[in-house]
């Protein structure tokens, strides 16, 4: 997993929380927003990013709403989307 804790922008996290709470049924995203709140308090805690990714995976169809209203957190929930950090198979 890439280390992106240095890229956590607390202002963007706050904005994402506000947008999600304003536009998505809160019961569906309660645990996801709780983790965002924890990241806002401790942005350097990488284990929270892992929890956020897991919570995002468990949102089901609500993932679309999260990405629509809180697109600023995309980098926090996607780890190596293009497989750039996979080992090179030509190194035999």
Protein backbone atom coordinates (compact mmCIF):
# COMPACT_ATOMS: atom_id res chain seq x y z
CA UNK A 1 0.00 0.00 0.00
CA UNK A 2 1.31 3.41 -0.89
CA UNK A 3 1.88 5.88 1.94
CA UNK A 4 -0.42 8.83 1.30
CA UNK A 5 -0.87 10.10 4.84
CA UNK A 6 1.17 13.17 3.92
CA UNK A 7 -1.45 14.01 1.29
CA UNK A 8 -4.42 14.14 3.69
CA UNK A 9 -5.98 17.60 3.51
CA UNK A 10 -8.12 18.17 6.61
CA UNK A 11 -10.11 20.96 4.93
CA UNK A 12 -11.06 18.60 2.10
CA UNK A 13 -12.04 15.92 4.64
CA UNK A 14 -14.29 18.46 6.40
CA UNK A 15 -15.86 19.43 3.08
CA UNK A 16 -16.43 15.77 2.19
CA UNK A 17 -18.11 15.11 5.53
CA UNK A 18 -20.37 18.12 5.06
CA UNK A 19 -21.32 17.14 1.51
CA UNK A 20 -22.02 13.53 2.47
CA UNK A 21 -24.12 14.48 5.48
CA UNK A 22 -26.08 16.97 3.36
CA UNK A 23 -26.73 14.74 0.37
CA UNK A 24 -26.64 11.06 1.33
CA UNK A 25 -28.92 9.15 3.68
CA UNK A 26 -26.89 9.29 6.89
CA UNK A 27 -27.74 5.78 8.06
CA UNK A 28 -26.08 4.33 4.95
CA UNK A 29 -22.80 6.21 5.48
CA UNK A 30 -22.60 6.44 9.27
CA UNK A 31 -19.53 4.23 9.69
CA UNK A 32 -17.81 5.75 6.65
CA UNK A 33 -18.29 9.30 8.00
CA UNK A 34 -17.12 8.20 11.46
CA UNK A 35 -13.83 7.08 9.95
CA UNK A 36 -13.54 10.37 8.03
CA UNK A 37 -14.03 12.19 11.34
CA UNK A 38 -11.24 10.11 12.89
CA UNK A 39 -8.94 10.89 9.95
CA UNK A 40 -9.73 14.58 10.36
CA UNK A 41 -8.54 14.33 13.98
CA UNK A 42 -5.43 12.25 13.18
CA UNK A 43 -4.56 12.62 9.47
CA UNK A 44 -1.23 10.82 9.84
CA UNK A 45 -2.74 7.55 11.05
CA UNK A 46 -2.40 5.15 8.12
CA UNK A 47 -4.51 2.45 9.79
CA UNK A 48 -7.49 4.81 9.50
CA UNK A 49 -6.97 4.96 5.74
CA UNK A 50 -7.12 1.17 5.61
CA UNK A 51 -10.36 1.28 7.60
CA UNK A 52 -11.73 3.92 5.24
CA UNK A 53 -10.98 1.76 2.20
CA UNK A 54 -12.66 -1.23 3.83
CA UNK A 55 -15.70 0.86 4.80
CA UNK A 56 -15.93 2.18 1.24
CA UNK A 57 -15.88 -1.37 -0.14
CA UNK A 58 -18.78 -2.23 2.17
CA UNK A 59 -20.97 0.67 1.00
CA UNK A 60 -22.28 -1.24 -2.00
CA UNK A 61 -24.31 0.94 -4.34
CA UNK A 62 -23.79 3.93 -2.04
CA UNK A 63 -20.20 4.10 -3.31
CA UNK A 64 -21.49 6.10 -6.27
CA UNK A 65 -23.04 8.72 -4.02
CA UNK A 66 -19.87 8.97 -1.97
CA UNK A 67 -17.77 9.55 -5.07
CA UNK A 68 -20.32 12.04 -6.42
CA UNK A 69 -20.57 14.20 -3.32
CA UNK A 70 -17.09 13.69 -1.87
CA UNK A 71 -14.87 13.19 -4.89
CA UNK A 72 -12.05 14.97 -3.06
CA UNK A 73 -11.41 11.83 -1.01
CA UNK A 74 -10.90 9.55 -4.02
CA UNK A 75 -7.15 9.28 -3.44
CA UNK A 76 -7.77 8.14 0.12
CA UNK A 77 -10.02 5.25 -0.83
CA UNK A 78 -8.26 3.93 -3.92
CA UNK A 79 -4.92 2.21 -3.50
CA UNK A 80 -2.97 1.82 -6.74
CA UNK A 81 -5.97 1.83 -9.13
CA UNK A 82 -3.81 1.26 -12.22
CA UNK A 83 -1.52 -1.43 -10.80
CA UNK A 84 1.54 0.79 -10.99
CA UNK A 85 3.06 -0.68 -7.82
CA UNK A 86 2.80 -4.33 -8.85
CA UNK A 87 6.09 -6.17 -9.14
CA UNK A 88 7.50 -6.26 -12.65
CA UNK A 89 7.10 -9.81 -13.97
CA UNK A 90 10.04 -9.29 -16.38
CA UNK A 91 12.58 -9.37 -13.51
CA UNK A 92 13.17 -13.13 -13.79
